Structures are given as structure tokens and as C-alpha cells.
């Protein structure tokens, strides 16, 4: 890709594309951890200029908090000294059973999304936005994950009517994952600045 008139070649570790920051992305790095309180952990990592082909020294910070109401709050920050590409996220998998020998196939998933972005044979989005209506991509009603797990790698688009502002910089999308037997729910919130 080009940035500030300079061409950068990133590693092509996934069907000719750079996935997750390359073959030695952030998930393989050792972060410095500091326990800030009984409920807060701060992780930091410095990606040096040129690491995995990306420009700029990139100081990354992840703050994980266990809130008083038993929520996990994960915040990401990054500062760089050159224009670069960064999109930090978390790919947590939650086992609501508390039993590692069981999988999540019986969980019920609800996604308040009326459309999604299809992917091509290399798993890159095509640029289209397609309705979920009448397709296996429709999770607008509680649906067991088991038969559709492979579909969750796509990007879903949330309609404006499904977004509730609950604070100046916090939105509630109300996309619960529910355990069908023990009535336990996982809700996902999104906050971007």
C-alpha cells in the first residue's frame, strides 16, 4: 500500500493479503503488563518502525477492566510517529457453560443486523452490502449457532434503528449470545472515539 508517497510491502500471509498484522502479528507478541488495580490490567507493546512491513513506531495500549457489574471492558489505544494502518480488536471466544469440554454450538445468537458484506474466495469483502433476509446470514431472531458457525466470519452491518446511545461515546447494539438452557446472556457494546 502507499502512504505519504511511499510504497510499503506487507506480508501476504492469507490468500495474498496481510491478515492480523502478518505472520508475526500482535497476537504473537509479549506485552508488558501492569496491574493497575484489583479490577484493571494495562498491557503495552511497542511495534518498531518496519515491524511486519508497517511504517512508524507504534505504541499500543490495551486496558482490560472487570467492572462492578461483572462486565469486561476492553479499551485500545495506539500512537504512532508516522502515518500507518492500525485496527486493534479482540477475538474472544466465550464458553457460557464454564465447561471446556463443551462447545458453543447450542448457543443462540441474535445479531440486530439487516445486512452483511459478502466475501470473495480469499475472504476479502467484495464491497457489496447485501440484505440478510431469506439467507443463512439472518440472525435477527435467536438462532442456534451450530449449523451456521462458518457464517460468522463475515461483517454484519447494524441498522441505525438498532443502535441505542447510552452515553456520549458508547453505543449499545444489543447483539446477545444466549445459552439456551441456563438463561445466561452475553451482550456486546461498542465505543469508538
C-alpha atoms as a PDB file:
ATOM      1  CA  UNK A   1       0.000   0.000   0.000  1.00  0.00           C
ATOM      2  CA  UNK A   2       1.040   3.627  -0.402  1.00  0.00           C
ATOM      3  CA  UNK A   3       1.288   6.159   2.439  1.00  0.00           C
ATOM      4  CA  UNK A   4       2.724   9.674   2.191  1.00  0.00           C
ATOM      5  CA  UNK A   5       4.126   8.843  -1.252  1.00  0.00           C
ATOM      6  CA  UNK A   6       5.986   5.736  -0.034  1.00  0.00           C
ATOM      7  CA  UNK A   7       5.096   2.171  -1.055  1.00  0.00           C
ATOM      8  CA  UNK A   8       5.039  -0.419   1.742  1.00  0.00           C
ATOM      9  CA  UNK A   9       5.006  -4.162   1.109  1.00  0.00           C
ATOM     10  CA  UNK A  10       3.220  -6.080   3.835  1.00  0.00           C
ATOM     11  CA  UNK A  11       3.495  -9.847   4.326  1.00  0.00           C
ATOM     12  CA  UNK A  12       0.927 -11.835   2.369  1.00  0.00           C
ATOM     13  CA  UNK A  13       0.053 -14.489   4.918  1.00  0.00           C
ATOM     14  CA  UNK A  14      -3.569 -15.153   3.925  1.00  0.00           C
ATOM     15  CA  UNK A  15      -4.600 -15.740   0.305  1.00  0.00           C
ATOM     16  CA  UNK A  16      -2.333 -12.926  -0.891  1.00  0.00           C
ATOM     17  CA  UNK A  17      -3.466 -10.497   1.832  1.00  0.00           C
ATOM     18  CA  UNK A  18      -1.988  -9.352   5.114  1.00  0.00           C
ATOM     19  CA  UNK A  19      -4.184 -10.772   7.878  1.00  0.00           C
ATOM     20  CA  UNK A  20      -3.907  -9.876  11.573  1.00  0.00           C
ATOM     21  CA  UNK A  21      -0.786  -7.789  11.031  1.00  0.00           C
ATOM     22  CA  UNK A  22       1.143 -10.568   9.287  1.00  0.00           C
ATOM     23  CA  UNK A  23       2.524 -13.949  10.372  1.00  0.00           C
ATOM     24  CA  UNK A  24       4.101 -12.377  13.470  1.00  0.00           C
ATOM     25  CA  UNK A  25       1.216 -10.061  14.328  1.00  0.00           C
ATOM     26  CA  UNK A  26       0.368  -8.623  17.734  1.00  0.00           C
ATOM     27  CA  UNK A  27      -1.214 -11.892  18.907  1.00  0.00           C
ATOM     28  CA  UNK A  28       2.292 -13.437  18.968  1.00  0.00           C
ATOM     29  CA  UNK A  29       3.983 -10.574  20.820  1.00  0.00           C
ATOM     30  CA  UNK A  30       4.782 -10.352  24.513  1.00  0.00           C
ATOM     31  CA  UNK A  31       3.177  -7.317  26.106  1.00  0.00           C
ATOM     32  CA  UNK A  32       4.317  -5.573  29.262  1.00  0.00           C
ATOM     33  CA  UNK A  33       1.593  -5.987  31.862  1.00  0.00           C
ATOM     34  CA  UNK A  34       0.890  -3.736  34.819  1.00  0.00           C
ATOM     35  CA  UNK A  35      -1.923  -4.441  37.259  1.00  0.00           C
ATOM     36  CA  UNK A  36      -3.424  -1.001  37.894  1.00  0.00           C
ATOM     37  CA  UNK A  37      -5.959  -2.194  40.493  1.00  0.00           C
ATOM     38  CA  UNK A  38      -7.767  -5.346  41.591  1.00  0.00           C
ATOM     39  CA  UNK A  39     -10.030  -4.888  38.576  1.00  0.00           C
ATOM     40  CA  UNK A  40      -7.750  -3.354  35.933  1.00  0.00           C
ATOM     41  CA  UNK A  41      -4.832  -4.616  33.847  1.00  0.00           C
ATOM     42  CA  UNK A  42      -2.849  -2.452  31.421  1.00  0.00           C
ATOM     43  CA  UNK A  43      -0.896  -4.121  28.596  1.00  0.00           C
ATOM     44  CA  UNK A  44       1.558  -2.184  26.432  1.00  0.00           C
ATOM     45  CA  UNK A  45       3.601  -3.069  23.375  1.00  0.00           C
ATOM     46  CA  UNK A  46       5.901  -1.036  21.125  1.00  0.00           C
ATOM     47  CA  UNK A  47       5.879  -2.147  17.484  1.00  0.00           C
ATOM     48  CA  UNK A  48       9.049  -0.717  15.989  1.00  0.00           C
ATOM     49  CA  UNK A  49       9.157   1.072  12.650  1.00  0.00           C
ATOM     50  CA  UNK A  50       9.136  -1.564   9.890  1.00  0.00           C
ATOM     51  CA  UNK A  51       7.803  -4.442  12.021  1.00  0.00           C
ATOM     52  CA  UNK A  52       5.894  -6.748   9.670  1.00  0.00           C
ATOM     53  CA  UNK A  53       6.384  -4.082   6.985  1.00  0.00           C
ATOM     54  CA  UNK A  54       4.301  -1.370   8.695  1.00  0.00           C
ATOM     55  CA  UNK A  55       5.686   2.162   8.955  1.00  0.00           C
ATOM     56  CA  UNK A  56       6.116   4.025  12.217  1.00  0.00           C
ATOM     57  CA  UNK A  57       6.909   3.250  15.809  1.00  0.00           C
ATOM     58  CA  UNK A  58       3.522   2.270  17.211  1.00  0.00           C
ATOM     59  CA  UNK A  59       2.925   2.419  20.958  1.00  0.00           C
ATOM     60  CA  UNK A  60      -0.072   0.187  21.712  1.00  0.00           C
ATOM     61  CA  UNK A  61      -2.032   0.079  24.964  1.00  0.00           C
ATOM     62  CA  UNK A  62      -4.794  -2.335  25.936  1.00  0.00           C
ATOM     63  CA  UNK A  63      -6.686  -1.739  29.175  1.00  0.00           C
ATOM     64  CA  UNK A  64      -8.830  -4.584  30.500  1.00  0.00           C
ATOM     65  CA  UNK A  65     -11.234  -3.902  33.335  1.00  0.00           C
ATOM     66  CA  UNK A  66     -13.654  -6.080  35.232  1.00  0.00           C
ATOM     67  CA  UNK A  67     -16.457  -3.695  36.146  1.00  0.00           C
ATOM     68  CA  UNK A  68     -18.516  -3.718  39.335  1.00  0.00           C
ATOM     69  CA  UNK A  69     -21.456  -5.149  37.359  1.00  0.00           C
ATOM     70  CA  UNK A  70     -19.329  -8.097  36.047  1.00  0.00           C
ATOM     71  CA  UNK A  71     -18.701  -6.723  32.562  1.00  0.00           C
ATOM     72  CA  UNK A  72     -15.361  -6.943  30.784  1.00  0.00           C
ATOM     73  CA  UNK A  73     -14.347  -3.540  29.419  1.00  0.00           C
ATOM     74  CA  UNK A  74     -11.511  -3.622  26.867  1.00  0.00           C
ATOM     75  CA  UNK A  75     -10.049  -0.341  25.614  1.00  0.00           C
ATOM     76  CA  UNK A  76      -7.458   0.015  22.837  1.00  0.00           C
ATOM     77  CA  UNK A  77      -5.188   2.957  22.140  1.00  0.00           C
ATOM     78  CA  UNK A  78      -2.332   3.415  19.695  1.00  0.00           C
ATOM     79  CA  UNK A  79       0.034   6.306  18.966  1.00  0.00           C
ATOM     80  CA  UNK A  80       2.464   6.426  16.071  1.00  0.00           C
ATOM     81  CA  UNK A  81       5.152   8.739  14.743  1.00  0.00           C
ATOM     82  CA  UNK A  82       4.304   8.057  11.049  1.00  0.00           C
ATOM     83  CA  UNK A  83       1.049   7.560   9.171  1.00  0.00           C
ATOM     84  CA  UNK A  84       0.239   3.842   9.379  1.00  0.00           C
ATOM     85  CA  UNK A  85      -2.616   1.358   9.419  1.00  0.00           C
ATOM     86  CA  UNK A  86      -3.915   0.105  12.764  1.00  0.00           C
ATOM     87  CA  UNK A  87      -7.166  -1.612  13.748  1.00  0.00           C
ATOM     88  CA  UNK A  88      -6.871  -3.390  17.077  1.00  0.00           C
ATOM     89  CA  UNK A  89      -9.612  -5.739  18.213  1.00  0.00           C
ATOM     90  CA  UNK A  90     -10.338  -8.786  20.316  1.00  0.00           C
ATOM     91  CA  UNK A  91     -11.366 -12.236  19.111  1.00  0.00           C
ATOM     92  CA  UNK A  92     -12.579 -13.663  22.399  1.00  0.00           C
ATOM     93  CA  UNK A  93     -14.490 -16.907  22.437  1.00  0.00           C
ATOM     94  CA  UNK A  94     -16.714 -17.329  25.459  1.00  0.00           C
ATOM     95  CA  UNK A  95     -17.846 -20.650  26.838  1.00  0.00           C
ATOM     96  CA  UNK A  96     -21.013 -19.820  28.753  1.00  0.00           C
ATOM     97  CA  UNK A  97     -21.159 -23.351  30.191  1.00  0.00           C
ATOM     98  CA  UNK A  98     -17.966 -22.966  32.187  1.00  0.00           C
ATOM     99  CA  UNK A  99     -17.046 -26.465  30.981  1.00  0.00           C
ATOM    100  CA  UNK A 100     -14.161 -26.560  28.486  1.00  0.00           C
ATOM    101  CA  UNK A 101     -15.294 -29.958  27.164  1.00  0.00           C
ATOM    102  CA  UNK A 102     -18.434 -28.403  25.648  1.00  0.00           C
ATOM    103  CA  UNK A 103     -18.571 -26.165  22.596  1.00  0.00           C
ATOM    104  CA  UNK A 104     -20.797 -23.220  21.742  1.00  0.00           C
ATOM    105  CA  UNK A 105     -22.896 -24.913  19.064  1.00  0.00           C
ATOM    106  CA  UNK A 106     -26.117 -24.888  21.122  1.00  0.00           C
ATOM    107  CA  UNK A 107     -25.862 -21.188  21.937  1.00  0.00           C
ATOM    108  CA  UNK A 108     -28.467 -18.880  20.497  1.00  0.00           C
ATOM    109  CA  UNK A 109     -27.156 -15.817  18.681  1.00  0.00           C
ATOM    110  CA  UNK A 110     -29.059 -12.649  17.848  1.00  0.00           C
ATOM    111  CA  UNK A 111     -27.496 -10.055  15.527  1.00  0.00           C
ATOM    112  CA  UNK A 112     -29.537  -6.890  15.057  1.00  0.00           C
ATOM    113  CA  UNK A 113     -28.207  -6.512  11.549  1.00  0.00           C
ATOM    114  CA  UNK A 114     -30.327  -6.240   8.415  1.00  0.00           C
ATOM    115  CA  UNK A 115     -27.408  -6.706   6.021  1.00  0.00           C
ATOM    116  CA  UNK A 116     -23.859  -8.007   5.723  1.00  0.00           C
ATOM    117  CA  UNK A 117     -20.833  -7.623   3.479  1.00  0.00           C
ATOM    118  CA  UNK A 118     -20.115 -10.786   1.457  1.00  0.00           C
ATOM    119  CA  UNK A 119     -16.563 -12.034   0.992  1.00  0.00           C
ATOM    120  CA  UNK A 120     -14.787 -13.443  -2.047  1.00  0.00           C
ATOM    121  CA  UNK A 121     -12.785 -16.698  -2.300  1.00  0.00           C
ATOM    122  CA  UNK A 122      -9.889 -15.040  -0.431  1.00  0.00           C
ATOM    123  CA  UNK A 123     -12.210 -13.938   2.410  1.00  0.00           C
ATOM    124  CA  UNK A 124     -11.957 -10.256   1.493  1.00  0.00           C
ATOM    125  CA  UNK A 125     -15.121  -8.166   1.416  1.00  0.00           C
ATOM    126  CA  UNK A 126     -16.429  -7.502  -2.071  1.00  0.00           C
ATOM    127  CA  UNK A 127     -17.716  -4.009  -1.272  1.00  0.00           C
ATOM    128  CA  UNK A 128     -21.337  -5.079  -1.605  1.00  0.00           C
ATOM    129  CA  UNK A 129     -23.871  -4.679   1.183  1.00  0.00           C
ATOM    130  CA  UNK A 130     -26.494  -7.419   0.937  1.00  0.00           C
ATOM    131  CA  UNK A 131     -29.687  -7.999   2.904  1.00  0.00           C
ATOM    132  CA  UNK A 132     -29.758 -10.961   5.297  1.00  0.00           C
ATOM    133  CA  UNK A 133     -33.457 -11.513   4.524  1.00  0.00           C
ATOM    134  CA  UNK A 134     -34.055 -15.089   3.346  1.00  0.00           C
ATOM    135  CA  UNK A 135     -30.393 -16.116   3.684  1.00  0.00           C
ATOM    136  CA  UNK A 136     -28.500 -18.273   6.203  1.00  0.00           C
ATOM    137  CA  UNK A 137     -26.869 -14.988   7.315  1.00  0.00           C
ATOM    138  CA  UNK A 138     -30.073 -13.931   9.071  1.00  0.00           C
ATOM    139  CA  UNK A 139     -29.559 -13.963  12.857  1.00  0.00           C
ATOM    140  CA  UNK A 140     -32.128 -11.265  13.630  1.00  0.00           C
ATOM    141  CA  UNK A 141     -34.078 -13.791  15.716  1.00  0.00           C
ATOM    142  CA  UNK A 142     -32.356 -16.074  18.253  1.00  0.00           C
ATOM    143  CA  UNK A 143     -30.726 -18.796  16.153  1.00  0.00           C
ATOM    144  CA  UNK A 144     -28.623 -21.775  17.214  1.00  0.00           C
ATOM    145  CA  UNK A 145     -25.032 -21.244  16.162  1.00  0.00           C
ATOM    146  CA  UNK A 146     -24.320 -24.925  15.424  1.00  0.00           C
ATOM    147  CA  UNK A 147     -25.407 -25.053  11.799  1.00  0.00           C
ATOM    148  CA  UNK A 148     -24.150 -21.587  10.851  1.00  0.00           C
ATOM    149  CA  UNK A 149     -20.867 -21.144  12.715  1.00  0.00           C
ATOM    150  CA  UNK A 150     -18.893 -20.756   9.477  1.00  0.00           C
ATOM    151  CA  UNK A 151     -21.018 -17.716   8.563  1.00  0.00           C
ATOM    152  CA  UNK A 152     -19.816 -15.649  11.493  1.00  0.00           C
ATOM    153  CA  UNK A 153     -16.579 -14.638   9.763  1.00  0.00           C
ATOM    154  CA  UNK A 154     -18.473 -12.063   7.700  1.00  0.00           C
ATOM    155  CA  UNK A 155     -19.039  -8.438   8.599  1.00  0.00           C
ATOM    156  CA  UNK A 156     -22.579  -7.564   9.570  1.00  0.00           C
ATOM    157  CA  UNK A 157     -23.961  -4.051   9.263  1.00  0.00           C
ATOM    158  CA  UNK A 158     -26.065  -2.695  12.086  1.00  0.00           C
ATOM    159  CA  UNK A 159     -29.046  -0.550  11.188  1.00  0.00           C
ATOM    160  CA  UNK A 160     -29.412   2.866  12.798  1.00  0.00           C
ATOM    161  CA  UNK A 161     -32.686   1.849  14.463  1.00  0.00           C
ATOM    162  CA  UNK A 162     -30.817  -0.983  16.229  1.00  0.00           C
ATOM    163  CA  UNK A 163     -28.288   1.355  17.842  1.00  0.00           C
ATOM    164  CA  UNK A 164     -29.001   2.975  21.175  1.00  0.00           C
ATOM    165  CA  UNK A 165     -26.765   5.721  22.541  1.00  0.00           C
ATOM    166  CA  UNK A 166     -26.279   5.034  26.242  1.00  0.00           C
ATOM    167  CA  UNK A 167     -23.505   7.571  26.870  1.00  0.00           C
ATOM    168  CA  UNK A 168     -21.800  10.299  24.809  1.00  0.00           C
ATOM    169  CA  UNK A 169     -19.302   7.817  23.322  1.00  0.00           C
ATOM    170  CA  UNK A 170     -20.976   4.451  23.986  1.00  0.00           C
ATOM    171  CA  UNK A 171     -23.492   2.638  21.814  1.00  0.00           C
ATOM    172  CA  UNK A 172     -25.468  -0.488  22.621  1.00  0.00           C
ATOM    173  CA  UNK A 173     -26.040  -2.786  19.667  1.00  0.00           C
ATOM    174  CA  UNK A 174     -27.881  -5.421  21.712  1.00  0.00           C
ATOM    175  CA  UNK A 175     -26.440  -8.492  20.000  1.00  0.00           C
ATOM    176  CA  UNK A 176     -26.828 -11.093  22.733  1.00  0.00           C
ATOM    177  CA  UNK A 177     -25.445 -14.589  22.734  1.00  0.00           C
ATOM    178  CA  UNK A 178     -27.652 -16.732  24.919  1.00  0.00           C
ATOM    179  CA  UNK A 179     -27.234 -20.146  26.421  1.00  0.00           C
ATOM    180  CA  UNK A 180     -30.445 -21.982  25.607  1.00  0.00           C
ATOM    181  CA  UNK A 181     -30.594 -23.993  28.840  1.00  0.00           C
ATOM    182  CA  UNK A 182     -29.255 -21.873  31.700  1.00  0.00           C
ATOM    183  CA  UNK A 183     -30.623 -18.487  30.584  1.00  0.00           C
ATOM    184  CA  UNK A 184     -27.238 -16.729  30.564  1.00  0.00           C
ATOM    185  CA  UNK A 185     -26.588 -13.812  28.192  1.00  0.00           C
ATOM    186  CA  UNK A 186     -23.522 -12.102  26.763  1.00  0.00           C
ATOM    187  CA  UNK A 187     -24.124  -8.573  25.423  1.00  0.00           C
ATOM    188  CA  UNK A 188     -21.614  -6.695  23.271  1.00  0.00           C
ATOM    189  CA  UNK A 189     -21.151  -2.909  23.443  1.00  0.00           C
ATOM    190  CA  UNK A 190     -19.083  -0.794  21.052  1.00  0.00           C
ATOM    191  CA  UNK A 191     -17.377   2.509  21.809  1.00  0.00           C
ATOM    192  CA  UNK A 192     -15.262   4.367  19.276  1.00  0.00           C
ATOM    193  CA  UNK A 193     -13.591   7.745  19.511  1.00  0.00           C
END
